[in-house]
PDB file of N, CA and C in Angstrom:
ATOM      1  N   MET A   1     103.422 110.200 120.253  1.00  0.00           N
ATOM      2  CA  MET A   1     102.771 109.696 119.088  1.00  0.00           C
ATOM      3  C   MET A   1     101.593 108.947 119.598  1.00  0.00           C
ATOM      4  N   LEU A   2     100.488 109.228 118.825  1.00  0.00           N
ATOM      5  CA  LEU A   2      99.109 108.652 119.269  1.00  0.00           C
ATOM      6  C   LEU A   2      99.088 107.148 118.780  1.00  0.00           C
ATOM      7  N   THR A   3      98.051 106.538 119.452  1.00  0.00           N
ATOM      8  CA  THR A   3      97.680 105.222 119.089  1.00  0.00           C
ATOM      9  C   THR A   3      96.503 105.408 118.182  1.00  0.00           C
ATOM     10  N   PRO A   4      95.984 104.421 117.469  1.00  0.00           N
ATOM     11  CA  PRO A   4      94.743 104.514 116.630  1.00  0.00           C
ATOM     12  C   PRO A   4      93.566 104.908 117.677  1.00  0.00           C
ATOM     13  N   LYS A   5      93.412 104.264 118.734  1.00  0.00           N
ATOM     14  CA  LYS A   5      92.412 104.588 119.618  1.00  0.00           C
ATOM     15  C   LYS A   5      92.543 106.064 120.238  1.00  0.00           C
ATOM     16  N   GLY A   6      93.660 106.562 120.465  1.00  0.00           N
ATOM     17  CA  GLY A   6      93.814 107.805 120.983  1.00  0.00           C
ATOM     18  C   GLY A   6      93.648 108.877 119.873  1.00  0.00           C
ATOM     19  N   ARG A   7      93.914 108.558 118.634  1.00  0.00           N
ATOM     20  CA  ARG A   7      93.589 109.467 117.503  1.00  0.00           C
ATOM     21  C   ARG A   7      92.078 109.419 117.122  1.00  0.00           C
ATOM     22  N   LEU A   8      91.538 108.315 117.014  1.00  0.00           N
ATOM     23  CA  LEU A   8      90.278 108.135 116.455  1.00  0.00           C
ATOM     24  C   LEU A   8      89.147 108.068 117.515  1.00  0.00           C
ATOM     25  N   GLY A   9      89.535 107.511 118.717  1.00  0.00           N
ATOM     26  CA  GLY A   9      88.430 107.409 119.807  1.00  0.00           C
ATOM     27  C   GLY A   9      87.849 105.989 119.732  1.00  0.00           C
ATOM     28  N   PHE A  10      88.317 105.142 118.753  1.00  0.00           N
ATOM     29  CA  PHE A  10      87.791 103.776 118.808  1.00  0.00           C
ATOM     30  C   PHE A  10      88.904 102.889 118.338  1.00  0.00           C
ATOM     31  N   GLU A  11      88.730 101.604 118.554  1.00  0.00           N
ATOM     32  CA  GLU A  11      89.805 100.681 118.217  1.00  0.00           C
ATOM     33  C   GLU A  11      89.374  99.277 117.724  1.00  0.00           C
ATOM     34  N   HIS A  12      90.215  98.587 117.149  1.00  0.00           N
ATOM     35  CA  HIS A  12      89.971  97.265 116.689  1.00  0.00           C
ATOM     36  C   HIS A  12      91.204  96.601 116.615  1.00  0.00           C
ATOM     37  N   PRO A  13      91.439  95.308 116.872  1.00  0.00           N
ATOM     38  CA  PRO A  13      92.667  94.689 116.856  1.00  0.00           C
ATOM     39  C   PRO A  13      93.445  94.858 115.549  1.00  0.00           C
ATOM     40  N   ALA A  14      92.690  94.803 114.532  1.00  0.00           N
ATOM     41  CA  ALA A  14      93.342  95.008 113.280  1.00  0.00           C
ATOM     42  C   ALA A  14      93.808  96.390 112.908  1.00  0.00           C
ATOM     43  N   MET A  15      93.623  97.281 113.785  1.00  0.00           N
ATOM     44  CA  MET A  15      94.114  98.612 113.582  1.00  0.00           C
ATOM     45  C   MET A  15      95.541  98.738 114.170  1.00  0.00           C
ATOM     46  N   ALA A  16      96.002  97.856 114.881  1.00  0.00           N
ATOM     47  CA  ALA A  16      97.375  97.907 115.437  1.00  0.00           C
ATOM     48  C   ALA A  16      98.408  97.685 114.279  1.00  0.00           C
ATOM     49  N   GLY A  17      99.471  98.300 114.546  1.00  0.00           N
ATOM     50  CA  GLY A  17     100.514  98.190 113.475  1.00  0.00           C
ATOM     51  C   GLY A  17     101.723  99.035 113.798  1.00  0.00           C
ATOM     52  N   THR A  18     102.723  99.006 112.998  1.00  0.00           N
ATOM     53  CA  THR A  18     103.957  99.929 113.258  1.00  0.00           C
ATOM     54  C   THR A  18     104.042 100.894 112.012  1.00  0.00           C
ATOM     55  N   ALA A  19     103.226 100.945 111.195  1.00  0.00           N
ATOM     56  CA  ALA A  19     103.327 102.017 110.160  1.00  0.00           C
ATOM     57  C   ALA A  19     103.175 103.347 110.718  1.00  0.00           C
ATOM     58  N   LEU A  20     103.914 104.284 110.282  1.00  0.00           N
ATOM     59  CA  LEU A  20     103.819 105.797 110.603  1.00  0.00           C
ATOM     60  C   LEU A  20     102.651 106.466 109.792  1.00  0.00           C
ATOM     61  N   LEU A  21     101.599 106.861 110.467  1.00  0.00           N
ATOM     62  CA  LEU A  21     100.423 107.491 109.782  1.00  0.00           C
ATOM     63  C   LEU A  21     100.344 108.886 110.029  1.00  0.00           C
ATOM     64  N   HIS A  22     100.036 109.695 108.986  1.00  0.00           N
ATOM     65  CA  HIS A  22      99.849 111.136 109.148  1.00  0.00           C
ATOM     66  C   HIS A  22      98.479 111.382 109.806  1.00  0.00           C
ATOM     67  N   THR A  23      97.409 110.724 109.333  1.00  0.00           N
ATOM     68  CA  THR A  23      96.027 110.747 109.676  1.00  0.00           C
ATOM     69  C   THR A  23      95.354 112.072 109.488  1.00  0.00           C
ATOM     70  N   ASP A  24      95.885 113.056 108.928  1.00  0.00           N
ATOM     71  CA  ASP A  24      95.244 114.345 108.749  1.00  0.00           C
ATOM     72  C   ASP A  24      95.601 114.908 107.371  1.00  0.00           C
ATOM     73  N   LEU A  25      95.388 114.073 106.366  1.00  0.00           N
ATOM     74  CA  LEU A  25      95.843 114.461 104.955  1.00  0.00           C
ATOM     75  C   LEU A  25      94.730 115.454 104.379  1.00  0.00           C
ATOM     76  N   THR A  26      94.560 116.633 105.045  1.00  0.00           N
ATOM     77  CA  THR A  26      93.685 117.605 104.460  1.00  0.00           C
ATOM     78  C   THR A  26      94.497 118.434 103.367  1.00  0.00           C
ATOM     79  N   ALA A  27      93.784 119.203 102.639  1.00  0.00           N
ATOM     80  CA  ALA A  27      94.411 120.011 101.625  1.00  0.00           C
ATOM     81  C   ALA A  27      95.380 120.885 102.177  1.00  0.00           C
ATOM     82  N   ALA A  28      95.144 121.387 103.412  1.00  0.00           N
ATOM     83  CA  ALA A  28      96.017 122.315 104.050  1.00  0.00           C
ATOM     84  C   ALA A  28      97.307 121.793 104.548  1.00  0.00           C
ATOM     85  N   ASN A  29      97.367 120.384 104.600  1.00  0.00           N
ATOM     86  CA  ASN A  29      98.601 119.657 105.042  1.00  0.00           C
ATOM     87  C   ASN A  29      99.319 119.100 103.921  1.00  0.00           C
ATOM     88  N   LEU A  30      99.000 119.439 102.674  1.00  0.00           N
ATOM     89  CA  LEU A  30      99.643 118.894 101.501  1.00  0.00           C
ATOM     90  C   LEU A  30     100.206 120.095 100.747  1.00  0.00           C
ATOM     91  N   ILE A  31     101.450 120.056 100.579  1.00  0.00           N
ATOM     92  CA  ILE A  31     102.121 121.208  99.940  1.00  0.00           C
ATOM     93  C   ILE A  31     102.836 120.646  98.597  1.00  0.00           C
ATOM     94  N   VAL A  32     102.564 121.171  97.447  1.00  0.00           N
ATOM     95  CA  VAL A  32     103.086 120.716  96.198  1.00  0.00           C
ATOM     96  C   VAL A  32     104.257 121.712  95.989  1.00  0.00           C
ATOM     97  N   THR A  33     105.463 121.163  95.766  1.00  0.00           N
ATOM     98  CA  THR A  33     106.689 121.984  95.470  1.00  0.00           C
ATOM     99  C   THR A  33     107.199 121.508  94.118  1.00  0.00           C
ATOM    100  N   PRO A  34     108.168 122.158  93.544  1.00  0.00           N
ATOM    101  CA  PRO A  34     108.833 121.701  92.397  1.00  0.00           C
ATOM    102  C   PRO A  34     109.564 120.395  92.582  1.00  0.00           C
ATOM    103  N   ARG A  35     109.925 120.062  93.859  1.00  0.00           N
ATOM    104  CA  ARG A  35     110.623 118.845  94.171  1.00  0.00           C
ATOM    105  C   ARG A  35     109.669 117.684  94.630  1.00  0.00           C
ATOM    106  N   GLY A  36     108.375 117.955  94.633  1.00  0.00           N
ATOM    107  CA  GLY A  36     107.335 117.019  95.048  1.00  0.00           C
ATOM    108  C   GLY A  36     106.390 117.325  96.092  1.00  0.00           C
ATOM    109  N   LEU A  37     105.616 116.329  96.481  1.00  0.00           N
ATOM    110  CA  LEU A  37     104.639 116.549  97.595  1.00  0.00           C
ATOM    111  C   LEU A  37     105.247 116.558  98.851  1.00  0.00           C
ATOM    112  N   ARG A  38     104.845 117.505  99.743  1.00  0.00           N
ATOM    113  CA  ARG A  38     105.277 117.557 101.152  1.00  0.00           C
ATOM    114  C   ARG A  38     104.122 117.497 102.020  1.00  0.00           C
ATOM    115  N   LEU A  39     104.263 116.641 103.010  1.00  0.00           N
ATOM    116  CA  LEU A  39     103.162 116.558 104.143  1.00  0.00           C
ATOM    117  C   LEU A  39     103.699 117.358 105.367  1.00  0.00           C
ATOM    118  N   VAL A  40     102.827 118.260 105.744  1.00  0.00           N
ATOM    119  CA  VAL A  40     103.197 119.117 106.901  1.00  0.00           C
ATOM    120  C   VAL A  40     102.151 118.924 108.057  1.00  0.00           C
ATOM    121  N   ASP A  41     102.405 119.378 109.203  1.00  0.00           N
ATOM    122  CA  ASP A  41     101.584 119.274 110.478  1.00  0.00           C
ATOM    123  C   ASP A  41     101.410 117.870 110.731  1.00  0.00           C
ATOM    124  N   TRP A  42     102.305 117.341 111.346  1.00  0.00           N
ATOM    125  CA  TRP A  42     102.320 115.878 111.911  1.00  0.00           C
ATOM    126  C   TRP A  42     101.784 115.712 113.293  1.00  0.00           C
ATOM    127  N   ALA A  43     100.948 116.756 113.686  1.00  0.00           N
ATOM    128  CA  ALA A  43     100.518 116.784 115.129  1.00  0.00           C
ATOM    129  C   ALA A  43      99.672 115.470 115.458  1.00  0.00           C
ATOM    130  N   MET A  44      99.169 114.903 114.500  1.00  0.00           N
ATOM    131  CA  MET A  44      98.320 113.733 114.657  1.00  0.00           C
ATOM    132  C   MET A  44      98.932 112.440 114.297  1.00  0.00           C
ATOM    133  N   ALA A  45     100.213 112.375 114.326  1.00  0.00           N
ATOM    134  CA  ALA A  45     100.900 111.241 113.879  1.00  0.00           C
ATOM    135  C   ALA A  45     100.707 110.044 114.795  1.00  0.00           C
ATOM    136  N   THR A  46     100.454 108.888 114.140  1.00  0.00           N
ATOM    137  CA  THR A  46     100.003 107.745 114.792  1.00  0.00           C
ATOM    138  C   THR A  46     100.762 106.509 114.216  1.00  0.00           C
ATOM    139  N   ARG A  47     100.914 105.511 115.033  1.00  0.00           N
ATOM    140  CA  ARG A  47     101.377 104.228 114.621  1.00  0.00           C
ATOM    141  C   ARG A  47     100.238 103.312 114.462  1.00  0.00           C
ATOM    142  N   GLY A  48     100.098 102.575 113.416  1.00  0.00           N
ATOM    143  CA  GLY A  48      99.006 101.547 113.322  1.00  0.00           C
ATOM    144  C   GLY A  48      99.103 100.992 111.861  1.00  0.00           C
ATOM    145  N   ALA A  49      98.089 100.237 111.549  1.00  0.00           N
ATOM    146  CA  ALA A  49      98.014  99.452 110.316  1.00  0.00           C
ATOM    147  C   ALA A  49      97.883 100.505 109.143  1.00  0.00           C
ATOM    148  N   PRO A  50      98.591 100.108 108.092  1.00  0.00           N
ATOM    149  CA  PRO A  50      98.654 101.124 106.987  1.00  0.00           C
ATOM    150  C   PRO A  50      97.305 101.379 106.314  1.00  0.00           C
ATOM    151  N   TRP A  51      96.402 100.515 106.356  1.00  0.00           N
ATOM    152  CA  TRP A  51      95.165 100.756 105.718  1.00  0.00           C
ATOM    153  C   TRP A  51      94.247 101.994 106.353  1.00  0.00           C
ATOM    154  N   ILE A  52      94.755 102.282 107.630  1.00  0.00           N
ATOM    155  CA  ILE A  52      94.093 103.366 108.306  1.00  0.00           C
ATOM    156  C   ILE A  52      94.231 104.686 107.544  1.00  0.00           C
ATOM    157  N   GLU A  53      95.513 104.894 107.121  1.00  0.00           N
ATOM    158  CA  GLU A  53      95.704 106.241 106.280  1.00  0.00           C
ATOM    159  C   GLU A  53      94.821 106.225 105.143  1.00  0.00           C
ATOM    160  N   LEU A  54      94.603 105.236 104.511  1.00  0.00           N
ATOM    161  CA  LEU A  54      93.706 105.189 103.284  1.00  0.00           C
ATOM    162  C   LEU A  54      92.334 105.430 103.766  1.00  0.00           C
ATOM    163  N   ALA A  55      91.859 104.807 104.662  1.00  0.00           N
ATOM    164  CA  ALA A  55      90.489 105.026 105.228  1.00  0.00           C
ATOM    165  C   ALA A  55      90.251 106.380 105.597  1.00  0.00           C
ATOM    166  N   MET A  56      91.322 107.081 106.174  1.00  0.00           N
ATOM    167  CA  MET A  56      91.166 108.377 106.611  1.00  0.00           C
ATOM    168  C   MET A  56      91.056 109.460 105.399  1.00  0.00           C
ATOM    169  N   LEU A  57      91.511 108.917 104.245  1.00  0.00           N
ATOM    170  CA  LEU A  57      91.338 109.695 103.111  1.00  0.00           C
ATOM    171  C   LEU A  57      89.931 109.748 102.387  1.00  0.00           C
ATOM    172  N   VAL A  58      89.125 108.739 102.719  1.00  0.00           N
ATOM    173  CA  VAL A  58      87.785 108.621 102.099  1.00  0.00           C
ATOM    174  C   VAL A  58      87.045 109.857 102.219  1.00  0.00           C
ATOM    175  N   PRO A  59      86.900 110.297 103.476  1.00  0.00           N
ATOM    176  CA  PRO A  59      85.963 111.581 103.670  1.00  0.00           C
ATOM    177  C   PRO A  59      86.454 112.768 102.906  1.00  0.00           C
ATOM    178  N   TRP A  60      87.784 112.896 102.727  1.00  0.00           N
ATOM    179  CA  TRP A  60      88.357 114.050 102.033  1.00  0.00           C
ATOM    180  C   TRP A  60      88.174 113.836 100.461  1.00  0.00           C
ATOM    181  N   LEU A  61      88.135 112.707  99.987  1.00  0.00           N
ATOM    182  CA  LEU A  61      87.919 112.324  98.522  1.00  0.00           C
ATOM    183  C   LEU A  61      86.390 112.732  98.375  1.00  0.00           C
ATOM    184  N   ILE A  62      85.512 112.406  99.325  1.00  0.00           N
ATOM    185  CA  ILE A  62      84.175 112.714  99.073  1.00  0.00           C
ATOM    186  C   ILE A  62      83.934 114.164  99.269  1.00  0.00           C
ATOM    187  N   ALA A  63      84.685 114.852 100.029  1.00  0.00           N
ATOM    188  CA  ALA A  63      84.662 116.365 100.124  1.00  0.00           C
ATOM    189  C   ALA A  63      85.038 117.014  98.828  1.00  0.00           C
ATOM    190  N   ALA A  64      85.950 116.321  98.109  1.00  0.00           N
ATOM    191  CA  ALA A  64      86.431 116.871  96.810  1.00  0.00           C
ATOM    192  C   ALA A  64      85.477 116.553  95.691  1.00  0.00           C
ATOM    193  N   GLY A  65      84.312 115.912  95.936  1.00  0.00           N
ATOM    194  CA  GLY A  65      83.342 115.740  94.941  1.00  0.00           C
ATOM    195  C   GLY A  65      83.166 114.351  94.403  1.00  0.00           C
ATOM    196  N   HIS A  66      83.921 113.290  94.992  1.00  0.00           N
ATOM    197  CA  HIS A  66      83.671 111.939  94.656  1.00  0.00           C
ATOM    198  C   HIS A  66      82.618 111.251  95.430  1.00  0.00           C
ATOM    199  N   THR A  67      82.129 110.220  94.846  1.00  0.00           N
ATOM    200  CA  THR A  67      81.112 109.414  95.637  1.00  0.00           C
ATOM    201  C   THR A  67      81.955 108.494  96.467  1.00  0.00           C
ATOM    202  N   ALA A  68      81.373 107.824  97.392  1.00  0.00           N
ATOM    203  CA  ALA A  68      82.092 106.903  98.328  1.00  0.00           C
ATOM    204  C   ALA A  68      82.631 105.833  97.391  1.00  0.00           C
ATOM    205  N   GLU A  69      81.738 105.402  96.386  1.00  0.00           N
ATOM    206  CA  GLU A  69      82.164 104.342  95.540  1.00  0.00           C
ATOM    207  C   GLU A  69      83.448 104.700  94.671  1.00  0.00           C
ATOM    208  N   GLN A  70      83.375 105.941  94.215  1.00  0.00           N
ATOM    209  CA  GLN A  70      84.560 106.301  93.424  1.00  0.00           C
ATOM    210  C   GLN A  70      85.793 106.518  94.372  1.00  0.00           C
ATOM    211  N   ALA A  71      85.680 106.922  95.543  1.00  0.00           N
ATOM    212  CA  ALA A  71      86.780 107.017  96.424  1.00  0.00           C
ATOM    213  C   ALA A  71      87.316 105.650  96.747  1.00  0.00           C
ATOM    214  N   GLU A  72      86.573 104.659  96.889  1.00  0.00           N
ATOM    215  CA  GLU A  72      86.941 103.255  97.297  1.00  0.00           C
ATOM    216  C   GLU A  72      87.631 102.748  96.007  1.00  0.00           C
ATOM    217  N   HIS A  73      87.095 103.087  94.748  1.00  0.00           N
ATOM    218  CA  HIS A  73      87.627 102.622  93.546  1.00  0.00           C
ATOM    219  C   HIS A  73      89.101 103.172  93.355  1.00  0.00           C
ATOM    220  N   TRP A  74      89.149 104.466  93.675  1.00  0.00           N
ATOM    221  CA  TRP A  74      90.608 105.059  93.561  1.00  0.00           C
ATOM    222  C   TRP A  74      91.579 104.373  94.549  1.00  0.00           C
ATOM    223  N   LEU A  75      91.078 104.237  95.779  1.00  0.00           N
ATOM    224  CA  LEU A  75      91.925 103.592  96.822  1.00  0.00           C
ATOM    225  C   LEU A  75      92.331 102.073  96.497  1.00  0.00           C
ATOM    226  N   SER A  76      91.510 101.506  95.783  1.00  0.00           N
ATOM    227  CA  SER A  76      91.693 100.061  95.290  1.00  0.00           C
ATOM    228  C   SER A  76      92.977  99.751  94.514  1.00  0.00           C
ATOM    229  N   ARG A  77      93.574 100.934  94.023  1.00  0.00           N
ATOM    230  CA  ARG A  77      94.882 100.899  93.353  1.00  0.00           C
ATOM    231  C   ARG A  77      95.957 100.451  94.317  1.00  0.00           C
ATOM    232  N   ASN A  78      95.779 100.583  95.648  1.00  0.00           N
ATOM    233  CA  ASN A  78      96.712 100.431  96.572  1.00  0.00           C
ATOM    234  C   ASN A  78      96.567  98.962  97.102  1.00  0.00           C
ATOM    235  N   PRO A  79      97.654  98.192  97.037  1.00  0.00           N
ATOM    236  CA  PRO A  79      97.497  96.722  97.458  1.00  0.00           C
ATOM    237  C   PRO A  79      97.076  96.565  98.917  1.00  0.00           C
ATOM    238  N   VAL A  80      97.368  97.512  99.807  1.00  0.00           N
ATOM    239  CA  VAL A  80      96.986  97.360 101.160  1.00  0.00           C
ATOM    240  C   VAL A  80      95.501  97.473 101.339  1.00  0.00           C
ATOM    241  N   TRP A  81      94.865  98.385 100.426  1.00  0.00           N
ATOM    242  CA  TRP A  81      93.472  98.599 100.396  1.00  0.00           C
ATOM    243  C   TRP A  81      92.700  97.306 100.062  1.00  0.00           C
ATOM    244  N   VAL A  82      93.345  96.703  98.928  1.00  0.00           N
ATOM    245  CA  VAL A  82      92.639  95.490  98.389  1.00  0.00           C
ATOM    246  C   VAL A  82      92.781  94.225  99.371  1.00  0.00           C
ATOM    247  N   VAL A  83      93.666  94.160 100.247  1.00  0.00           N
ATOM    248  CA  VAL A  83      93.682  93.014 101.148  1.00  0.00           C
ATOM    249  C   VAL A  83      93.063  93.302 102.590  1.00  0.00           C
ATOM    250  N   THR A  84      92.583  94.538 102.682  1.00  0.00           N
ATOM    251  CA  THR A  84      91.908  94.781 103.952  1.00  0.00           C
ATOM    252  C   THR A  84      90.353  94.231 103.804  1.00  0.00           C
ATOM    253  N   LYS A  85      90.093  93.407 104.882  1.00  0.00           N
ATOM    254  CA  LYS A  85      88.843  92.783 104.890  1.00  0.00           C
ATOM    255  C   LYS A  85      87.686  93.803 104.836  1.00  0.00           C
ATOM    256  N   PRO A  86      86.678  93.603 104.071  1.00  0.00           N
ATOM    257  CA  PRO A  86      85.445  94.480 103.952  1.00  0.00           C
ATOM    258  C   PRO A  86      84.829  94.654 105.225  1.00  0.00           C
ATOM    259  N   ALA A  87      84.637  93.629 106.150  1.00  0.00           N
ATOM    260  CA  ALA A  87      84.048  93.833 107.457  1.00  0.00           C
ATOM    261  C   ALA A  87      84.810  94.774 108.286  1.00  0.00           C
ATOM    262  N   LEU A  88      86.092  94.879 108.080  1.00  0.00           N
ATOM    263  CA  LEU A  88      86.938  95.896 108.871  1.00  0.00           C
ATOM    264  C   LEU A  88      86.699  97.219 108.412  1.00  0.00           C
ATOM    265  N   LEU A  89      86.660  97.533 107.113  1.00  0.00           N
ATOM    266  CA  LEU A  89      86.254  98.771 106.592  1.00  0.00           C
ATOM    267  C   LEU A  89      84.869  99.150 106.929  1.00  0.00           C
ATOM    268  N   ASP A  90      83.976  98.254 106.987  1.00  0.00           N
ATOM    269  CA  ASP A  90      82.533  98.534 107.407  1.00  0.00           C
ATOM    270  C   ASP A  90      82.680  99.092 108.863  1.00  0.00           C
ATOM    271  N   TYR A  91      83.422  98.319 109.687  1.00  0.00           N
ATOM    272  CA  TYR A  91      83.517  98.737 111.091  1.00  0.00           C
ATOM    273  C   TYR A  91      84.147 100.133 111.253  1.00  0.00           C
ATOM    274  N   PHE A  92      85.209 100.447 110.490  1.00  0.00           N
ATOM    275  CA  PHE A  92      85.916 101.657 110.673  1.00  0.00           C
ATOM    276  C   PHE A  92      84.896 102.741 110.063  1.00  0.00           C
ATOM    277  N   ALA A  93      84.366 102.547 109.048  1.00  0.00           N
ATOM    278  CA  ALA A  93      83.432 103.577 108.495  1.00  0.00           C
ATOM    279  C   ALA A  93      82.273 103.922 109.392  1.00  0.00           C
ATOM    280  N   SER A  94      81.709 102.801 109.939  1.00  0.00           N
ATOM    281  CA  SER A  94      80.546 103.033 110.893  1.00  0.00           C
ATOM    282  C   SER A  94      81.024 103.777 112.257  1.00  0.00           C
ATOM    283  N   LYS A  95      82.083 103.402 112.773  1.00  0.00           N
ATOM    284  CA  LYS A  95      82.538 103.938 114.027  1.00  0.00           C
ATOM    285  C   LYS A  95      83.043 105.442 113.791  1.00  0.00           C
ATOM    286  N   ASN A  96      83.728 105.665 112.653  1.00  0.00           N
ATOM    287  CA  ASN A  96      84.066 106.983 112.352  1.00  0.00           C
ATOM    288  C   ASN A  96      83.014 107.949 112.131  1.00  0.00           C
ATOM    289  N   ALA A  97      81.953 107.396 111.464  1.00  0.00           N
ATOM    290  CA  ALA A  97      80.757 108.233 111.209  1.00  0.00           C
ATOM    291  C   ALA A  97      80.011 108.519 112.490  1.00  0.00           C
ATOM    292  N   ALA A  98      79.829 107.505 113.362  1.00  0.00           N
ATOM    293  CA  ALA A  98      79.155 107.672 114.699  1.00  0.00           C
ATOM    294  C   ALA A  98      79.929 108.774 115.441  1.00  0.00           C
ATOM    295  N   LYS A  99      81.371 108.753 115.403  1.00  0.00           N
ATOM    296  CA  LYS A  99      82.148 109.675 116.133  1.00  0.00           C
ATOM    297  C   LYS A  99      81.848 111.163 115.720  1.00  0.00           C
ATOM    298  N   TRP A 100      81.713 111.347 114.346  1.00  0.00           N
ATOM    299  CA  TRP A 100      81.595 112.578 113.880  1.00  0.00           C
ATOM    300  C   TRP A 100      80.153 113.120 114.068  1.00  0.00           C
ATOM    301  N   GLN A 101      79.273 112.141 113.891  1.00  0.00           N
ATOM    302  CA  GLN A 101      77.813 112.586 114.284  1.00  0.00           C
ATOM    303  C   GLN A 101      77.682 113.168 115.587  1.00  0.00           C
ATOM    304  N   LEU A 102      78.260 112.392 116.669  1.00  0.00           N
ATOM    305  CA  LEU A 102      78.251 112.923 117.937  1.00  0.00           C
ATOM    306  C   LEU A 102      78.908 114.188 118.209  1.00  0.00           C
ATOM    307  N   LYS A 103      80.047 114.358 117.566  1.00  0.00           N
ATOM    308  CA  LYS A 103      80.861 115.632 117.711  1.00  0.00           C
ATOM    309  C   LYS A 103      80.105 116.683 117.077  1.00  0.00           C
ATOM    310  N   SER A 104      79.410 116.500 115.959  1.00  0.00           N
ATOM    311  CA  SER A 104      78.829 117.739 115.246  1.00  0.00           C
ATOM    312  C   SER A 104      77.507 118.091 116.077  1.00  0.00           C
ATOM    313  N   ARG A 105      76.860 117.074 116.862  1.00  0.00           N
ATOM    314  CA  ARG A 105      75.758 117.446 117.621  1.00  0.00           C
ATOM    315  C   ARG A 105      76.162 118.468 118.740  1.00  0.00           C
ATOM    316  N   GLN A 106      77.439 118.270 119.127  1.00  0.00           N
ATOM    317  CA  GLN A 106      77.973 119.023 120.280  1.00  0.00           C
ATOM    318  C   GLN A 106      78.712 120.360 119.780  1.00  0.00           C
ATOM    319  N   SER A 107      78.700 120.648 118.592  1.00  0.00           N
ATOM    320  CA  SER A 107      79.407 121.796 118.106  1.00  0.00           C
ATOM    321  C   SER A 107      78.640 122.544 117.033  1.00  0.00           C
ATOM    322  N   SER A 108      78.899 123.784 116.831  1.00  0.00           N
ATOM    323  CA  SER A 108      78.306 124.598 115.829  1.00  0.00           C
ATOM    324  C   SER A 108      79.404 124.703 114.573  1.00  0.00           C
ATOM    325  N   ALA A 109      80.612 124.259 114.780  1.00  0.00           N
ATOM    326  CA  ALA A 109      81.684 124.371 113.737  1.00  0.00           C
ATOM    327  C   ALA A 109      81.388 123.743 112.565  1.00  0.00           C
ATOM    328  N   GLY A 110      81.225 124.469 111.441  1.00  0.00           N
ATOM    329  CA  GLY A 110      80.879 123.979 110.122  1.00  0.00           C
ATOM    330  C   GLY A 110      81.739 122.746 109.644  1.00  0.00           C
ATOM    331  N   TRP A 111      83.050 122.791 109.887  1.00  0.00           N
ATOM    332  CA  TRP A 111      83.956 121.685 109.564  1.00  0.00           C
ATOM    333  C   TRP A 111      83.565 120.381 110.111  1.00  0.00           C
ATOM    334  N   MET A 112      83.060 120.519 111.303  1.00  0.00           N
ATOM    335  CA  MET A 112      82.582 119.232 112.045  1.00  0.00           C
ATOM    336  C   MET A 112      81.305 118.641 111.445  1.00  0.00           C
ATOM    337  N   HIS A 113      80.466 119.485 111.033  1.00  0.00           N
ATOM    338  CA  HIS A 113      79.265 119.004 110.394  1.00  0.00           C
ATOM    339  C   HIS A 113      79.595 118.578 108.973  1.00  0.00           C
ATOM    340  N   ASP A 114      80.577 119.133 108.331  1.00  0.00           N
ATOM    341  CA  ASP A 114      81.074 118.568 106.983  1.00  0.00           C
ATOM    342  C   ASP A 114      81.511 117.143 107.156  1.00  0.00           C
ATOM    343  N   LEU A 115      82.399 116.990 108.197  1.00  0.00           N
ATOM    344  CA  LEU A 115      82.990 115.713 108.436  1.00  0.00           C
ATOM    345  C   LEU A 115      82.011 114.669 108.799  1.00  0.00           C
ATOM    346  N   ALA A 116      80.986 115.168 109.607  1.00  0.00           N
ATOM    347  CA  ALA A 116      79.826 114.224 109.827  1.00  0.00           C
ATOM    348  C   ALA A 116      79.116 113.774 108.660  1.00  0.00           C
ATOM    349  N   ASP A 117      78.925 114.640 107.688  1.00  0.00           N
ATOM    350  CA  ASP A 117      78.186 114.356 106.378  1.00  0.00           C
ATOM    351  C   ASP A 117      79.037 113.518 105.520  1.00  0.00           C
ATOM    352  N   TRP A 118      80.358 113.785 105.430  1.00  0.00           N
ATOM    353  CA  TRP A 118      81.193 113.018 104.619  1.00  0.00           C
ATOM    354  C   TRP A 118      81.487 111.562 105.092  1.00  0.00           C
ATOM    355  N   THR A 119      81.710 111.380 106.371  1.00  0.00           N
ATOM    356  CA  THR A 119      81.794 110.093 107.022  1.00  0.00           C
ATOM    357  C   THR A 119      80.442 109.344 106.940  1.00  0.00           C
ATOM    358  N   ALA A 120      79.400 110.000 107.090  1.00  0.00           N
ATOM    359  CA  ALA A 120      78.136 109.332 107.095  1.00  0.00           C
ATOM    360  C   ALA A 120      77.853 108.677 105.566  1.00  0.00           C
ATOM    361  N   ARG A 121      78.246 109.513 104.608  1.00  0.00           N
ATOM    362  CA  ARG A 121      78.091 109.123 103.249  1.00  0.00           C
ATOM    363  C   ARG A 121      78.795 107.817 103.001  1.00  0.00           C
ATOM    364  N   TRP A 122      79.981 107.648 103.517  1.00  0.00           N
ATOM    365  CA  TRP A 122      80.826 106.522 103.407  1.00  0.00           C
ATOM    366  C   TRP A 122      80.366 105.349 104.171  1.00  0.00           C
ATOM    367  N   ALA A 123      79.863 105.631 105.299  1.00  0.00           N
ATOM    368  CA  ALA A 123      79.295 104.536 106.147  1.00  0.00           C
ATOM    369  C   ALA A 123      78.036 103.960 105.527  1.00  0.00           C
ATOM    370  N   ASP A 124      77.128 104.917 105.097  1.00  0.00           N
ATOM    371  CA  ASP A 124      75.853 104.565 104.176  1.00  0.00           C
ATOM    372  C   ASP A 124      76.353 103.563 103.105  1.00  0.00           C
ATOM    373  N   TYR A 125      77.365 104.026 102.298  1.00  0.00           N
ATOM    374  CA  TYR A 125      77.652 103.334 101.144  1.00  0.00           C
ATOM    375  C   TYR A 125      78.225 101.992 101.628  1.00  0.00           C
ATOM    376  N   ARG A 126      79.032 101.826 102.683  1.00  0.00           N
ATOM    377  CA  ARG A 126      79.582 100.549 103.092  1.00  0.00           C
ATOM    378  C   ARG A 126      78.368  99.645 103.724  1.00  0.00           C
ATOM    379  N   CYS A 127      77.432 100.144 104.378  1.00  0.00           N
ATOM    380  CA  CYS A 127      76.404  99.426 104.887  1.00  0.00           C
ATOM    381  C   CYS A 127      75.288  98.980 103.844  1.00  0.00           C
ATOM    382  N   GLY A 128      75.200  99.736 102.824  1.00  0.00           N
ATOM    383  CA  GLY A 128      74.216  99.383 101.850  1.00  0.00           C
ATOM    384  C   GLY A 128      74.689  98.384 100.719  1.00  0.00           C
ATOM    385  N   ARG A 129      75.985  98.061 100.823  1.00  0.00           N
ATOM    386  CA  ARG A 129      76.581  97.096  99.823  1.00  0.00           C
ATOM    387  C   ARG A 129      75.900  95.752  99.882  1.00  0.00           C
TER     388      ARG A 129
END
């Protein structure tokens, strides 16, 4: 099982925790069945603070057509999101965007460039507040 640093490539003391995190909630890893939602492909399972899972959703909500503000508004229905310090979310968004910008410069893979764009939008929103 990965640590937040092992999964994300950056760390912060507030990222530590014991919650089991999937950290890869892409559409391909969510299967809707008559009995409910199933999460598959736990290859990136991580233990950490529960807010990390929500933060990892932001780029995918942006990919689905939401603005960063709309994504955060939707996530604010979760009490964990509400109590997470804004400076911590700023840090996470900035570090995650920087990571994907670097990776996208080193790769021609379209999905990496998409993630670089989506994470940058969130970081821009957080920094422009």
